[in-house]
Amino acid sequence: MTLTVLVPDDHGVAALSTVDGVRALVLDTSDPARLAEAEVLVPPFLSVGKLVHIMERMPRLRLVQLLTAGVEAWIGHVPDGVQLSNCRGAHGGSTAEWVFAALLSFYRDLPAFDAAQRAGEWDFHVTDTMQDKRMLVVGAGDLGEQLRRRFDTFDAHTTLVATRARAGVHGVDELPDLLGEHDAVIMVVPMTDATRRMVDAEFLSRMRDGAILVNAARGPVVETDALVAELNSGRLRAALDVTDPEPLPPGHPLWTAPNLLLTPHVAGSVTGRGERAWAIAARQIEQFAAGKDPDNVIRGAY
């Protein structure tokens, strides 16, 4: 029996061409026969709003396979009885690279050296180092593990935090006592009701003076006004790849906040991301075609 999968473009057709029992077709929302036949949908990026009503015209739909790790936009929009699977494992490496670039920029004082170069000044001075730093990684999924592996090679010390404690991982209930013991706090949690504004004024107040907050998760994980207050006080530093609101409007206080490195949601925007995403998606669809639940199937809120 052949499983019909609708994909965004010919890249998806090629990626699934070697998967047994699968026929990949390019999504055509104007073709009712194709929609009626499909059992798996691989949506284009940022397309949930356009496809909500399309899924209602897909009576045989059983799986929505995303090319992204984040699923918050799809929770509550997938029809009952249809599984949702994400692309965990595709983008963790590139996002981990961004976290390291941000932290090393602070520790090795790269913005100051860049400014000195532009001014034609030989600004020799001693910098900090990542060696022996204590890193608190909040989120112990693929990205958390990617970070721990890389921190080990830099001789930094990693503490992982997840919703519940397990071997080698602390529970989120331990966070209040852990925050003040670490030099950097890296947020890589999924966006859920439980993580929305998780980093509030109290959370920030427990971080040690001079610590760095890194948000590589989603903007609403951090309470923006509380972070701006800490940055303006000079007590904390921060690196944000995501913001709330996003994109930042002109004149927003984050644009001019001191001690802040800000990038426009580009941590995962690297060459080869499509190939890596399709490699993961193909594996999930292959499992589904074999009658198994995909490894990345989402259960519950996330």
Protein backbone atom coordinates (compact mmCIF):
# COMPACT_ATOMS: atom_id res chain seq x y z
CA MET A 1 0.00 0.00 0.00
CA THR A 2 1.37 3.41 -1.00
CA LEU A 3 1.29 6.41 1.35
CA THR A 4 0.57 9.72 -0.40
CA VAL A 5 2.50 12.66 1.04
CA LEU A 6 1.98 16.28 0.03
CA VAL A 7 5.18 18.34 0.12
CA PRO A 8 5.89 22.05 -0.49
CA ASP A 9 8.11 21.69 -3.57
CA ASP A 10 10.31 19.44 -5.69
CA HIS A 11 12.97 19.34 -2.95
CA GLY A 12 10.50 17.36 -0.87
CA VAL A 13 9.70 15.06 -3.77
CA ALA A 14 13.41 14.31 -4.18
CA ALA A 15 13.98 13.83 -0.45
CA LEU A 16 11.21 11.22 -0.23
CA SER A 17 11.98 9.49 -3.51
CA THR A 18 13.96 6.73 -1.80
CA VAL A 19 11.47 6.05 1.01
CA ASP A 20 9.71 2.75 0.41
CA GLY A 21 5.94 2.82 0.22
CA VAL A 22 5.73 6.60 -0.18
CA ARG A 23 4.57 8.71 -3.10
CA ALA A 24 5.38 12.40 -2.72
CA LEU A 25 3.37 15.01 -4.60
CA VAL A 26 3.75 18.78 -4.58
CA LEU A 27 0.98 20.43 -2.58
CA ASP A 28 -1.64 22.02 -4.83
CA THR A 29 -4.48 23.52 -2.82
CA SER A 30 -6.59 23.90 -5.98
CA ASP A 31 -6.56 20.16 -6.67
CA PRO A 32 -9.34 18.55 -4.57
CA ALA A 33 -8.47 15.02 -5.72
CA ARG A 34 -4.90 15.39 -4.51
CA LEU A 35 -6.04 16.79 -1.17
CA ALA A 36 -8.57 13.99 -0.71
CA GLU A 37 -5.96 11.33 -1.37
CA ALA A 38 -3.16 12.54 0.89
CA GLU A 39 -2.49 10.94 4.27
CA VAL A 40 0.57 13.01 5.20
CA LEU A 41 1.13 16.76 4.85
CA VAL A 42 4.52 18.46 5.03
CA PRO A 43 3.69 22.18 5.19
CA PRO A 44 5.90 25.00 3.92
CA PHE A 45 7.53 27.17 6.56
CA LEU A 46 5.23 29.68 8.32
CA SER A 47 2.10 28.38 6.63
CA VAL A 48 -0.26 27.35 9.43
CA GLY A 49 -2.68 30.24 8.79
CA LYS A 50 -3.00 29.31 5.13
CA LEU A 51 -3.46 25.59 5.70
CA VAL A 52 -5.93 25.39 8.59
CA HIS A 53 -8.92 25.22 6.28
CA ILE A 54 -7.07 23.12 3.72
CA MET A 55 -6.65 20.34 6.28
CA GLU A 56 -10.43 20.21 6.61
CA ARG A 57 -10.54 19.15 2.97
CA MET A 58 -8.16 16.23 3.58
CA PRO A 59 -10.37 13.41 4.93
CA ARG A 60 -7.55 10.82 4.87
CA LEU A 61 -4.99 13.03 6.62
CA ARG A 62 -3.25 11.18 9.47
CA LEU A 63 0.05 13.04 9.98
CA VAL A 64 1.36 16.58 9.71
CA GLN A 65 5.17 16.50 9.52
CA LEU A 66 6.85 19.86 10.10
CA LEU A 67 10.22 21.03 8.82
CA THR A 68 10.72 23.10 11.97
CA ALA A 69 11.42 22.13 15.58
CA GLY A 70 8.92 24.64 16.96
CA VAL A 71 5.29 23.51 16.86
CA GLU A 72 3.50 26.16 18.91
CA ALA A 73 1.81 27.67 15.84
CA TRP A 74 0.25 24.30 15.01
CA ILE A 75 -0.95 23.21 18.45
CA GLY A 76 -4.75 23.34 18.44
CA HIS A 77 -5.00 23.65 14.66
CA VAL A 78 -4.35 20.05 13.63
CA PRO A 79 -7.63 18.08 13.26
CA ASP A 80 -8.54 15.53 15.90
CA GLY A 81 -7.03 12.15 15.23
CA VAL A 82 -4.14 13.59 13.16
CA GLN A 83 -0.63 13.26 14.55
CA LEU A 84 1.83 16.16 14.57
CA SER A 85 5.56 15.53 14.25
CA ASN A 86 8.34 18.09 14.33
CA CYS A 87 11.87 18.26 12.92
CA ARG A 88 13.79 17.88 16.16
CA GLY A 89 17.41 17.17 15.37
CA ALA A 90 17.65 19.25 12.20
CA HIS A 91 18.36 22.72 13.55
CA GLY A 92 19.95 22.14 16.96
CA GLY A 93 23.53 22.26 15.70
CA SER A 94 23.19 25.61 13.96
CA THR A 95 21.34 27.15 16.91
CA ALA A 96 24.04 25.85 19.27
CA GLU A 97 26.62 27.59 17.06
CA TRP A 98 24.73 30.86 17.46
CA VAL A 99 24.71 30.47 21.26
CA PHE A 100 28.48 29.98 21.22
CA ALA A 101 29.02 32.93 18.90
CA ALA A 102 26.99 35.13 21.24
CA LEU A 103 28.72 33.99 24.41
CA LEU A 104 32.20 34.20 22.93
CA SER A 105 31.40 37.69 21.65
CA PHE A 106 30.84 38.74 25.26
CA TYR A 107 33.66 36.77 26.85
CA ARG A 108 36.30 37.73 24.28
CA ASP A 109 35.04 41.33 24.03
CA LEU A 110 34.68 41.18 20.24
CA PRO A 111 32.41 44.26 19.92
CA ALA A 112 35.07 46.41 21.64
CA PHE A 113 37.82 45.11 19.37
CA ASP A 114 35.61 45.72 16.33
CA ALA A 115 35.02 49.30 17.46
CA ALA A 116 38.74 49.80 18.02
CA GLN A 117 39.54 48.47 14.55
CA ARG A 118 37.06 50.88 13.00
CA ALA A 119 38.66 53.72 14.98
CA GLY A 120 42.17 52.66 13.99
CA GLU A 121 43.15 51.99 17.60
CA TRP A 122 45.33 49.16 18.95
CA ASP A 123 43.21 48.40 22.01
CA PHE A 124 45.19 45.67 23.74
CA HIS A 125 43.45 44.39 26.86
CA VAL A 126 42.83 41.13 28.68
CA THR A 127 39.45 39.53 28.12
CA ASP A 128 37.33 36.95 29.87
CA THR A 129 37.15 33.28 28.77
CA MET A 130 34.53 30.57 28.46
CA GLN A 131 36.83 28.12 30.24
CA ASP A 132 35.54 27.09 33.66
CA LYS A 133 32.32 29.05 33.23
CA ARG A 134 29.16 27.48 34.65
CA MET A 135 26.40 27.25 32.04
CA LEU A 136 22.76 26.69 32.99
CA VAL A 137 20.87 25.32 29.98
CA VAL A 138 17.10 25.46 30.49
CA GLY A 139 15.71 22.88 28.08
CA ALA A 140 17.17 19.39 27.82
CA GLY A 141 16.06 18.29 24.37
CA ASP A 142 18.18 18.00 21.25
CA LEU A 143 19.49 21.56 21.49
CA GLY A 144 20.30 21.22 25.18
CA GLU A 145 22.34 18.11 24.48
CA GLN A 146 24.04 19.80 21.52
CA LEU A 147 25.07 22.63 23.83
CA ARG A 148 26.33 20.34 26.59
CA ARG A 149 28.54 18.46 24.14
CA ARG A 150 30.06 21.69 22.84
CA PHE A 151 30.53 23.24 26.28
CA ASP A 152 32.49 20.15 27.29
CA THR A 153 35.01 20.81 24.51
CA PHE A 154 35.45 24.39 25.78
CA ASP A 155 36.10 23.19 29.34
CA ALA A 156 32.93 24.86 30.58
CA HIS A 157 30.56 23.18 33.05
CA THR A 158 26.96 22.50 32.01
CA THR A 159 23.83 22.07 34.12
CA LEU A 160 20.76 20.89 32.21
CA VAL A 161 17.20 21.63 33.36
CA ALA A 162 14.04 19.93 32.07
CA THR A 163 10.41 19.85 33.14
CA ARG A 164 11.13 16.87 35.35
CA ALA A 165 14.39 15.65 36.87
CA ARG A 166 16.10 12.57 35.46
CA ALA A 167 19.61 11.15 35.46
CA GLY A 168 22.02 13.99 34.75
CA VAL A 169 19.22 16.56 34.41
CA HIS A 170 17.64 18.82 37.04
CA GLY A 171 13.92 19.54 37.29
CA VAL A 172 12.46 22.98 36.62
CA ASP A 173 11.42 23.18 40.28
CA GLU A 174 15.13 23.49 41.12
CA LEU A 175 15.65 26.57 38.96
CA PRO A 176 15.35 29.21 41.72
CA ASP A 177 18.32 27.71 43.57
CA LEU A 178 20.37 27.11 40.41
CA LEU A 179 20.15 30.56 38.81
CA GLY A 180 22.55 32.30 41.17
CA GLU A 181 25.21 29.60 40.78
CA HIS A 182 25.80 30.05 37.05
CA ASP A 183 27.61 32.51 34.81
CA ALA A 184 25.17 32.21 31.90
CA VAL A 185 21.57 31.04 31.55
CA ILE A 186 20.64 29.73 28.12
CA MET A 187 16.94 29.37 27.30
CA VAL A 188 16.17 26.64 24.76
CA VAL A 189 12.71 25.61 25.95
CA PRO A 190 9.71 25.07 23.66
CA MET A 191 7.00 27.74 23.59
CA THR A 192 4.13 26.57 25.80
CA ASP A 193 1.78 28.08 28.36
CA ALA A 194 4.23 26.92 31.04
CA THR A 195 7.23 28.67 29.48
CA ARG A 196 5.52 31.92 28.46
CA ARG A 197 7.23 34.71 30.45
CA MET A 198 9.16 32.10 32.38
CA VAL A 199 12.01 34.60 32.56
CA ASP A 200 10.31 37.30 34.61
CA ALA A 201 11.60 39.89 37.06
CA GLU A 202 11.98 37.35 39.86
CA PHE A 203 13.84 34.91 37.61
CA LEU A 204 16.24 37.65 36.51
CA SER A 205 16.74 38.91 40.05
CA ARG A 206 18.07 35.47 41.05
CA MET A 207 20.80 35.52 38.39
CA ARG A 208 24.24 36.51 39.63
CA ASP A 209 25.64 39.96 38.89
CA GLY A 210 27.28 40.13 35.46
CA ALA A 211 25.64 36.92 34.25
CA ILE A 212 24.49 36.55 30.64
CA LEU A 213 20.95 35.59 29.66
CA VAL A 214 20.75 33.93 26.24
CA ASN A 215 17.37 33.42 24.60
CA ALA A 216 17.48 31.01 21.67
CA ALA A 217 13.93 29.78 22.31
CA ARG A 218 11.01 32.12 21.55
CA GLY A 219 10.57 35.79 22.37
CA PRO A 220 7.64 35.44 24.81
CA VAL A 221 9.71 33.15 27.03
CA VAL A 222 11.30 36.36 28.36
CA GLU A 223 9.35 39.23 29.92
CA THR A 224 10.78 42.05 27.85
CA ASP A 225 10.20 44.95 30.24
CA ALA A 226 11.85 43.09 33.11
CA LEU A 227 14.90 42.32 30.96
CA VAL A 228 15.18 45.91 29.73
CA ALA A 229 15.19 47.10 33.35
CA GLU A 230 18.04 44.75 34.25
CA LEU A 231 20.06 45.69 31.16
CA ASN A 232 19.65 49.39 31.82
CA SER A 233 20.78 48.89 35.41
CA GLY A 234 24.01 47.34 34.11
CA ARG A 235 23.64 44.28 36.34
CA LEU A 236 23.01 41.68 33.62
CA ARG A 237 23.98 41.09 30.01
CA ALA A 238 21.89 39.36 27.35
CA ALA A 239 21.97 37.85 23.88
CA LEU A 240 18.64 37.57 22.07
CA ASP A 241 17.91 35.91 18.76
CA VAL A 242 14.18 36.21 19.44
CA THR A 243 12.17 39.02 20.94
CA ASP A 244 8.69 39.94 22.14
CA PRO A 245 7.38 41.62 20.07
CA GLU A 246 8.98 40.24 16.91
CA PRO A 247 10.12 41.83 14.74
CA LEU A 248 11.02 44.76 16.97
CA PRO A 249 9.23 47.98 15.98
CA PRO A 250 11.20 51.20 15.51
CA GLY A 251 11.96 52.96 18.76
CA HIS A 252 11.62 49.85 20.94
CA PRO A 253 13.84 50.08 24.06
CA LEU A 254 15.69 46.89 23.17
CA TRP A 255 17.30 48.65 20.20
CA THR A 256 19.27 50.90 22.53
CA ALA A 257 19.56 48.72 25.64
CA PRO A 258 23.17 48.41 26.87
CA ASN A 259 24.94 45.09 27.36
CA LEU A 260 22.79 43.44 24.68
CA LEU A 261 23.63 41.42 21.58
CA LEU A 262 20.59 41.26 19.30
CA THR A 263 20.09 39.24 16.12
CA PRO A 264 16.89 38.96 14.00
CA HIS A 265 15.88 35.30 14.58
CA VAL A 266 18.70 33.89 12.48
CA ALA A 267 20.16 31.17 14.72
CA GLY A 268 18.82 28.41 12.49
CA SER A 269 19.06 30.32 9.22
CA VAL A 270 22.16 28.71 7.77
CA THR A 271 23.20 26.99 4.58
CA GLY A 272 22.09 23.38 4.33
CA ARG A 273 19.15 23.77 6.72
CA GLY A 274 16.72 22.47 4.10
CA GLU A 275 18.71 19.32 3.48
CA ARG A 276 19.05 18.64 7.19
CA ALA A 277 15.33 19.23 7.76
CA TRP A 278 14.31 16.92 4.94
CA ALA A 279 16.64 14.18 6.19
CA ILE A 280 14.81 14.23 9.54
CA ALA A 281 11.36 14.55 7.94
CA ALA A 282 12.05 11.62 5.60
CA ARG A 283 13.01 9.45 8.59
CA GLN A 284 9.78 10.34 10.41
CA ILE A 285 7.65 9.62 7.34
CA GLU A 286 9.47 6.34 6.75
CA GLN A 287 8.58 5.26 10.28
CA PHE A 288 4.97 6.31 9.75
CA ALA A 289 4.77 4.41 6.46
CA ALA A 290 5.99 1.32 8.32
CA GLY A 291 3.08 1.59 10.75
CA LYS A 292 5.05 3.15 13.61
CA ASP A 293 4.66 6.44 15.45
CA PRO A 294 7.38 8.85 14.30
CA ASP A 295 10.11 9.44 16.88
CA ASN A 296 9.30 13.15 16.86
CA VAL A 297 5.54 12.88 17.30
CA ILE A 298 4.21 15.56 19.65
CA ARG A 299 2.28 14.37 22.69
CA GLY A 300 0.27 16.70 24.86
CA ALA A 301 1.13 20.40 24.94
CA TYR A 302 4.61 19.78 23.48
